[in-house]
Amino acid sequence: MPARFAVRERMHLNSSTNKPYSQALSAHLYWGDPASWREAQTGLSCILRRHRDRCGELFNLAASIADLIRSMDVAMGNLCARTCPSCSDPCCVRADVRYDLRDLIFLHCSGAGLPLGQTVSASGGGACAMLDADGCALPRVMRPFMCTWYLCPPQMDIVRAEADPEISVLTDRLEELKRRRKMLESGFLYMVSL
């Protein structure tokens, strides 16, 4: 390895863990350890209590997001039943999916419930902590949005070819979910900035 690349690589390592800084930063930003997870939940709860007189619109928007997710649950479950059992590389096992800020704002505002921790360990990697023998242990409304939003290539093939309106409208509903989640985050950030 040329010297200039070796120096660059050393500069990006955390001296105490010998891991890339980006890994340590990712674990911190996405609340990968139990203490930071609890701190994030406590912080969001406190913010929402402090601004409860201004949360009505956020709670209504979160409820509409929850309703939209629930309206997709049967179709999404059918897609998973048709593709996941025969998949050689299931995303629930290989993907590094985590709750993000929009997910947590949604969960707090919708009252859908809060998982006890992040979907992956602080070090990342490995199967999703919410995966059990029957699939995801969480109701769809409590999963990270990525678990609903991502449709693998075989699932997209089914969506494109399906005549069933419940499946054929999934992509439109997913786009609407993305739009509403962005609105929820923007509304939350605006509220806390006042």
C-alpha atoms as a PDB file:
ATOM      1  CA  MET A   1       0.000   0.000   0.000  1.00  0.00           C
ATOM      2  CA  PRO A   2       1.466   3.408  -0.921  1.00  0.00           C
ATOM      3  CA  ALA A   3       2.506   5.450   2.118  1.00  0.00           C
ATOM      4  CA  ARG A   4       0.023   8.256   1.454  1.00  0.00           C
ATOM      5  CA  PHE A   5      -2.884   5.784   1.719  1.00  0.00           C
ATOM      6  CA  ALA A   6      -1.512   4.179   4.892  1.00  0.00           C
ATOM      7  CA  VAL A   7      -1.328   7.593   6.576  1.00  0.00           C
ATOM      8  CA  ARG A   8      -4.878   8.432   5.484  1.00  0.00           C
ATOM      9  CA  GLU A   9      -6.128   5.098   6.853  1.00  0.00           C
ATOM     10  CA  ARG A  10      -4.386   5.658  10.214  1.00  0.00           C
ATOM     11  CA  MET A  11      -5.896   9.126  10.494  1.00  0.00           C
ATOM     12  CA  HIS A  12      -9.395   7.625  10.234  1.00  0.00           C
ATOM     13  CA  LEU A  13      -8.891   5.133  13.062  1.00  0.00           C
ATOM     14  CA  ASN A  14      -9.962   5.766  16.632  1.00  0.00           C
ATOM     15  CA  SER A  15      -6.837   5.217  18.733  1.00  0.00           C
ATOM     16  CA  SER A  16      -8.721   3.694  21.683  1.00  0.00           C
ATOM     17  CA  THR A  17     -10.709   1.106  19.671  1.00  0.00           C
ATOM     18  CA  ASN A  18      -8.658   0.843  16.474  1.00  0.00           C
ATOM     19  CA  LYS A  19     -11.970   1.087  14.580  1.00  0.00           C
ATOM     20  CA  PRO A  20     -12.737   3.661  11.933  1.00  0.00           C
ATOM     21  CA  TYR A  21     -14.157   6.865  13.420  1.00  0.00           C
ATOM     22  CA  SER A  22     -17.138   6.523  11.107  1.00  0.00           C
ATOM     23  CA  GLN A  23     -18.133   3.276  12.884  1.00  0.00           C
ATOM     24  CA  ALA A  24     -17.922   4.889  16.313  1.00  0.00           C
ATOM     25  CA  LEU A  25     -19.804   7.945  15.067  1.00  0.00           C
ATOM     26  CA  SER A  26     -22.498   5.781  13.468  1.00  0.00           C
ATOM     27  CA  ALA A  27     -23.067   3.852  16.706  1.00  0.00           C
ATOM     28  CA  HIS A  28     -23.400   7.141  18.588  1.00  0.00           C
ATOM     29  CA  LEU A  29     -25.643   8.839  16.052  1.00  0.00           C
ATOM     30  CA  TYR A  30     -27.946   5.859  15.770  1.00  0.00           C
ATOM     31  CA  TRP A  31     -28.110   5.054  19.469  1.00  0.00           C
ATOM     32  CA  GLY A  32     -26.499   1.635  19.149  1.00  0.00           C
ATOM     33  CA  ASP A  33     -25.703   1.118  22.807  1.00  0.00           C
ATOM     34  CA  PRO A  34     -28.406   0.746  25.484  1.00  0.00           C
ATOM     35  CA  ALA A  35     -27.437   3.925  27.356  1.00  0.00           C
ATOM     36  CA  SER A  36     -27.626   6.193  24.297  1.00  0.00           C
ATOM     37  CA  TRP A  37     -30.884   4.472  23.227  1.00  0.00           C
ATOM     38  CA  ARG A  38     -32.485   5.248  26.610  1.00  0.00           C
ATOM     39  CA  GLU A  39     -31.100   8.781  26.508  1.00  0.00           C
ATOM     40  CA  ALA A  40     -32.621   9.389  23.058  1.00  0.00           C
ATOM     41  CA  GLN A  41     -36.020   8.084  24.173  1.00  0.00           C
ATOM     42  CA  THR A  42     -35.951  10.139  27.364  1.00  0.00           C
ATOM     43  CA  GLY A  43     -34.910  13.253  25.439  1.00  0.00           C
ATOM     44  CA  LEU A  44     -37.674  12.909  22.861  1.00  0.00           C
ATOM     45  CA  SER A  45     -40.268  12.230  25.558  1.00  0.00           C
ATOM     46  CA  CYS A  46     -39.188  15.331  27.476  1.00  0.00           C
ATOM     47  CA  ILE A  47     -39.279  17.503  24.353  1.00  0.00           C
ATOM     48  CA  LEU A  48     -42.786  16.330  23.465  1.00  0.00           C
ATOM     49  CA  ARG A  49     -44.013  16.889  27.039  1.00  0.00           C
ATOM     50  CA  ARG A  50     -42.477  20.363  27.106  1.00  0.00           C
ATOM     51  CA  HIS A  51     -44.208  21.290  23.832  1.00  0.00           C
ATOM     52  CA  ARG A  52     -47.415  19.249  24.319  1.00  0.00           C
ATOM     53  CA  ASP A  53     -49.611  22.280  23.645  1.00  0.00           C
ATOM     54  CA  ARG A  54     -48.120  22.442  20.124  1.00  0.00           C
ATOM     55  CA  CYS A  55     -48.037  18.708  19.335  1.00  0.00           C
ATOM     56  CA  GLY A  56     -51.594  18.210  18.047  1.00  0.00           C
ATOM     57  CA  GLU A  57     -50.687  18.470  14.369  1.00  0.00           C
ATOM     58  CA  LEU A  58     -47.666  16.207  14.837  1.00  0.00           C
ATOM     59  CA  PHE A  59     -49.767  13.591  16.623  1.00  0.00           C
ATOM     60  CA  ASN A  60     -52.412  13.739  13.859  1.00  0.00           C
ATOM     61  CA  LEU A  61     -49.773  13.403  11.150  1.00  0.00           C
ATOM     62  CA  ALA A  62     -48.157  10.480  12.994  1.00  0.00           C
ATOM     63  CA  ALA A  63     -51.578   8.808  13.300  1.00  0.00           C
ATOM     64  CA  SER A  64     -52.106   9.198   9.541  1.00  0.00           C
ATOM     65  CA  ILE A  65     -48.678   7.629   8.921  1.00  0.00           C
ATOM     66  CA  ALA A  66     -49.559   4.717  11.222  1.00  0.00           C
ATOM     67  CA  ASP A  67     -52.866   4.230   9.390  1.00  0.00           C
ATOM     68  CA  LEU A  68     -51.083   4.219   6.033  1.00  0.00           C
ATOM     69  CA  ILE A  69     -48.544   1.655   7.259  1.00  0.00           C
ATOM     70  CA  ARG A  70     -51.330  -0.535   8.630  1.00  0.00           C
ATOM     71  CA  SER A  71     -53.187  -0.285   5.310  1.00  0.00           C
ATOM     72  CA  MET A  72     -50.147  -1.812   3.611  1.00  0.00           C
ATOM     73  CA  ASP A  73     -49.509  -4.545   6.155  1.00  0.00           C
ATOM     74  CA  VAL A  74     -51.398  -7.389   4.458  1.00  0.00           C
ATOM     75  CA  ALA A  75     -49.916  -6.668   1.024  1.00  0.00           C
ATOM     76  CA  MET A  76     -46.404  -6.306   2.458  1.00  0.00           C
ATOM     77  CA  GLY A  77     -46.844  -9.520   4.433  1.00  0.00           C
ATOM     78  CA  ASN A  78     -47.944 -11.317   1.272  1.00  0.00           C
ATOM     79  CA  LEU A  79     -44.905 -10.027  -0.618  1.00  0.00           C
ATOM     80  CA  CYS A  80     -42.620 -11.233   2.142  1.00  0.00           C
ATOM     81  CA  ALA A  81     -44.355 -14.624   2.278  1.00  0.00           C
ATOM     82  CA  ARG A  82     -43.847 -15.024  -1.477  1.00  0.00           C
ATOM     83  CA  THR A  83     -40.184 -14.024  -1.565  1.00  0.00           C
ATOM     84  CA  CYS A  84     -38.399 -14.211   1.799  1.00  0.00           C
ATOM     85  CA  PRO A  85     -38.573 -17.974   2.562  1.00  0.00           C
ATOM     86  CA  SER A  86     -36.730 -18.817  -0.675  1.00  0.00           C
ATOM     87  CA  CYS A  87     -34.247 -15.922  -0.477  1.00  0.00           C
ATOM     88  CA  SER A  88     -30.611 -16.961  -0.208  1.00  0.00           C
ATOM     89  CA  ASP A  89     -29.537 -13.594   1.251  1.00  0.00           C
ATOM     90  CA  PRO A  90     -32.389 -12.199   3.405  1.00  0.00           C
ATOM     91  CA  CYS A  91     -32.109  -8.498   4.170  1.00  0.00           C
ATOM     92  CA  CYS A  92     -33.163  -9.136   7.803  1.00  0.00           C
ATOM     93  CA  VAL A  93     -29.939 -11.112   8.215  1.00  0.00           C
ATOM     94  CA  ARG A  94     -27.455  -9.045   6.195  1.00  0.00           C
ATOM     95  CA  ALA A  95     -28.683  -5.447   6.224  1.00  0.00           C
ATOM     96  CA  ASP A  96     -27.499  -2.939   8.809  1.00  0.00           C
ATOM     97  CA  VAL A  97     -30.897  -1.296   9.337  1.00  0.00           C
ATOM     98  CA  ARG A  98     -31.358   1.030  12.290  1.00  0.00           C
ATOM     99  CA  TYR A  99     -33.997   3.344  13.654  1.00  0.00           C
ATOM    100  CA  ASP A 100     -33.286   6.886  12.521  1.00  0.00           C
ATOM    101  CA  LEU A 101     -34.521  10.204  13.895  1.00  0.00           C
ATOM    102  CA  ARG A 102     -37.676  10.155  11.746  1.00  0.00           C
ATOM    103  CA  ASP A 103     -38.488   6.675  13.028  1.00  0.00           C
ATOM    104  CA  LEU A 104     -38.135   7.752  16.643  1.00  0.00           C
ATOM    105  CA  ILE A 105     -40.149  10.943  16.167  1.00  0.00           C
ATOM    106  CA  PHE A 106     -42.870   8.861  14.534  1.00  0.00           C
ATOM    107  CA  LEU A 107     -42.885   6.233  17.288  1.00  0.00           C
ATOM    108  CA  HIS A 108     -43.079   8.869  20.018  1.00  0.00           C
ATOM    109  CA  CYS A 109     -45.794  10.905  18.283  1.00  0.00           C
ATOM    110  CA  SER A 110     -47.926   7.954  17.187  1.00  0.00           C
ATOM    111  CA  GLY A 111     -47.919   6.097  20.465  1.00  0.00           C
ATOM    112  CA  ALA A 112     -47.142   2.918  18.515  1.00  0.00           C
ATOM    113  CA  GLY A 113     -44.748   1.811  21.237  1.00  0.00           C
ATOM    114  CA  LEU A 114     -41.006   1.829  21.590  1.00  0.00           C
ATOM    115  CA  PRO A 115     -38.710  -1.135  21.052  1.00  0.00           C
ATOM    116  CA  LEU A 116     -36.359  -1.869  23.934  1.00  0.00           C
ATOM    117  CA  GLY A 117     -33.323  -1.153  21.780  1.00  0.00           C
ATOM    118  CA  GLN A 118     -31.837  -0.569  18.389  1.00  0.00           C
ATOM    119  CA  THR A 119     -32.222  -3.284  15.734  1.00  0.00           C
ATOM    120  CA  VAL A 120     -28.479  -3.968  15.685  1.00  0.00           C
ATOM    121  CA  SER A 121     -25.743  -3.962  18.268  1.00  0.00           C
ATOM    122  CA  ALA A 122     -23.480  -0.948  18.744  1.00  0.00           C
ATOM    123  CA  SER A 123     -20.776  -2.749  16.763  1.00  0.00           C
ATOM    124  CA  GLY A 124     -23.182  -3.343  13.865  1.00  0.00           C
ATOM    125  CA  GLY A 125     -23.475  -6.409  11.723  1.00  0.00           C
ATOM    126  CA  GLY A 126     -25.344  -9.632  12.269  1.00  0.00           C
ATOM    127  CA  ALA A 127     -29.002 -10.417  11.940  1.00  0.00           C
ATOM    128  CA  CYS A 128     -31.614  -7.936  13.065  1.00  0.00           C
ATOM    129  CA  ALA A 129     -32.252  -8.234  16.793  1.00  0.00           C
ATOM    130  CA  MET A 130     -36.005  -8.255  16.083  1.00  0.00           C
ATOM    131  CA  LEU A 131     -35.838 -11.305  13.783  1.00  0.00           C
ATOM    132  CA  ASP A 132     -37.287 -14.523  15.153  1.00  0.00           C
ATOM    133  CA  ALA A 133     -38.194 -17.898  13.635  1.00  0.00           C
ATOM    134  CA  ASP A 134     -41.437 -16.499  12.163  1.00  0.00           C
ATOM    135  CA  GLY A 135     -39.932 -13.306  10.729  1.00  0.00           C
ATOM    136  CA  CYS A 136     -40.020  -9.902  12.375  1.00  0.00           C
ATOM    137  CA  ALA A 137     -41.171  -9.898  15.992  1.00  0.00           C
ATOM    138  CA  LEU A 138     -42.358  -6.289  15.671  1.00  0.00           C
ATOM    139  CA  PRO A 139     -45.633  -5.122  14.177  1.00  0.00           C
ATOM    140  CA  ARG A 140     -44.904  -3.288  10.914  1.00  0.00           C
ATOM    141  CA  VAL A 141     -45.872   0.056  12.442  1.00  0.00           C
ATOM    142  CA  MET A 142     -43.011  -0.282  14.979  1.00  0.00           C
ATOM    143  CA  ARG A 143     -40.306  -1.326  12.519  1.00  0.00           C
ATOM    144  CA  PRO A 144     -37.680   1.027  11.144  1.00  0.00           C
ATOM    145  CA  PHE A 145     -39.130   2.623   8.011  1.00  0.00           C
ATOM    146  CA  MET A 146     -36.422   1.021   5.895  1.00  0.00           C
ATOM    147  CA  CYS A 147     -38.007  -2.370   6.641  1.00  0.00           C
ATOM    148  CA  THR A 148     -41.235  -1.210   5.005  1.00  0.00           C
ATOM    149  CA  TRP A 149     -39.755   1.015   2.319  1.00  0.00           C
ATOM    150  CA  TYR A 150     -37.204  -1.399   0.870  1.00  0.00           C
ATOM    151  CA  LEU A 151     -38.585  -3.771  -1.724  1.00  0.00           C
ATOM    152  CA  CYS A 152     -36.002  -6.227  -3.017  1.00  0.00           C
ATOM    153  CA  PRO A 153     -35.772  -6.954  -6.764  1.00  0.00           C
ATOM    154  CA  PRO A 154     -38.012 -10.069  -6.609  1.00  0.00           C
ATOM    155  CA  GLN A 155     -40.623  -8.090  -4.666  1.00  0.00           C
ATOM    156  CA  MET A 156     -40.442  -5.218  -7.173  1.00  0.00           C
ATOM    157  CA  ASP A 157     -40.948  -7.725  -9.994  1.00  0.00           C
ATOM    158  CA  ILE A 158     -44.142  -8.900  -8.285  1.00  0.00           C
ATOM    159  CA  VAL A 159     -45.347  -5.326  -7.694  1.00  0.00           C
ATOM    160  CA  ARG A 160     -44.805  -4.425 -11.360  1.00  0.00           C
ATOM    161  CA  ALA A 161     -46.556  -7.549 -12.650  1.00  0.00           C
ATOM    162  CA  GLU A 162     -49.357  -7.871 -10.092  1.00  0.00           C
ATOM    163  CA  ALA A 163     -52.947  -7.161 -11.049  1.00  0.00           C
ATOM    164  CA  ASP A 164     -54.062  -7.090  -7.387  1.00  0.00           C
ATOM    165  CA  PRO A 165     -54.677  -3.398  -6.602  1.00  0.00           C
ATOM    166  CA  GLU A 166     -53.481  -3.849  -2.999  1.00  0.00           C
ATOM    167  CA  ILE A 167     -50.036  -4.773  -4.283  1.00  0.00           C
ATOM    168  CA  SER A 168     -49.900  -2.558  -7.361  1.00  0.00           C
ATOM    169  CA  VAL A 169     -50.438   0.613  -5.287  1.00  0.00           C
ATOM    170  CA  LEU A 170     -47.640  -0.145  -2.818  1.00  0.00           C
ATOM    171  CA  THR A 171     -45.065   2.078  -4.504  1.00  0.00           C
ATOM    172  CA  ASP A 172     -47.436   5.064  -4.461  1.00  0.00           C
ATOM    173  CA  ARG A 173     -48.204   4.458  -0.794  1.00  0.00           C
ATOM    174  CA  LEU A 174     -44.516   4.170   0.020  1.00  0.00           C
ATOM    175  CA  GLU A 175     -43.851   7.516  -1.659  1.00  0.00           C
ATOM    176  CA  GLU A 176     -46.689   9.049   0.351  1.00  0.00           C
ATOM    177  CA  LEU A 177     -45.189   7.586   3.525  1.00  0.00           C
ATOM    178  CA  LYS A 178     -41.830   9.159   2.715  1.00  0.00           C
ATOM    179  CA  ARG A 179     -43.497  12.523   2.141  1.00  0.00           C
ATOM    180  CA  ARG A 180     -45.427  12.391   5.415  1.00  0.00           C
ATOM    181  CA  ARG A 181     -42.392  11.257   7.417  1.00  0.00           C
ATOM    182  CA  LYS A 182     -40.420  14.190   6.069  1.00  0.00           C
ATOM    183  CA  MET A 183     -43.271  16.520   7.051  1.00  0.00           C
ATOM    184  CA  LEU A 184     -43.346  15.000  10.539  1.00  0.00           C
ATOM    185  CA  GLU A 185     -39.625  15.524  11.029  1.00  0.00           C
ATOM    186  CA  SER A 186     -39.807  19.091   9.690  1.00  0.00           C
ATOM    187  CA  GLY A 187     -42.762  19.884  11.954  1.00  0.00           C
ATOM    188  CA  PHE A 188     -40.959  18.435  14.970  1.00  0.00           C
ATOM    189  CA  LEU A 189     -37.779  20.391  14.255  1.00  0.00           C
ATOM    190  CA  TYR A 190     -39.775  23.583  13.716  1.00  0.00           C
ATOM    191  CA  MET A 191     -41.632  23.049  16.992  1.00  0.00           C
ATOM    192  CA  VAL A 192     -38.453  22.575  19.019  1.00  0.00           C
ATOM    193  CA  SER A 193     -36.865  25.615  17.411  1.00  0.00           C
ATOM    194  CA  LEU A 194     -39.588  27.944  18.772  1.00  0.00           C
END
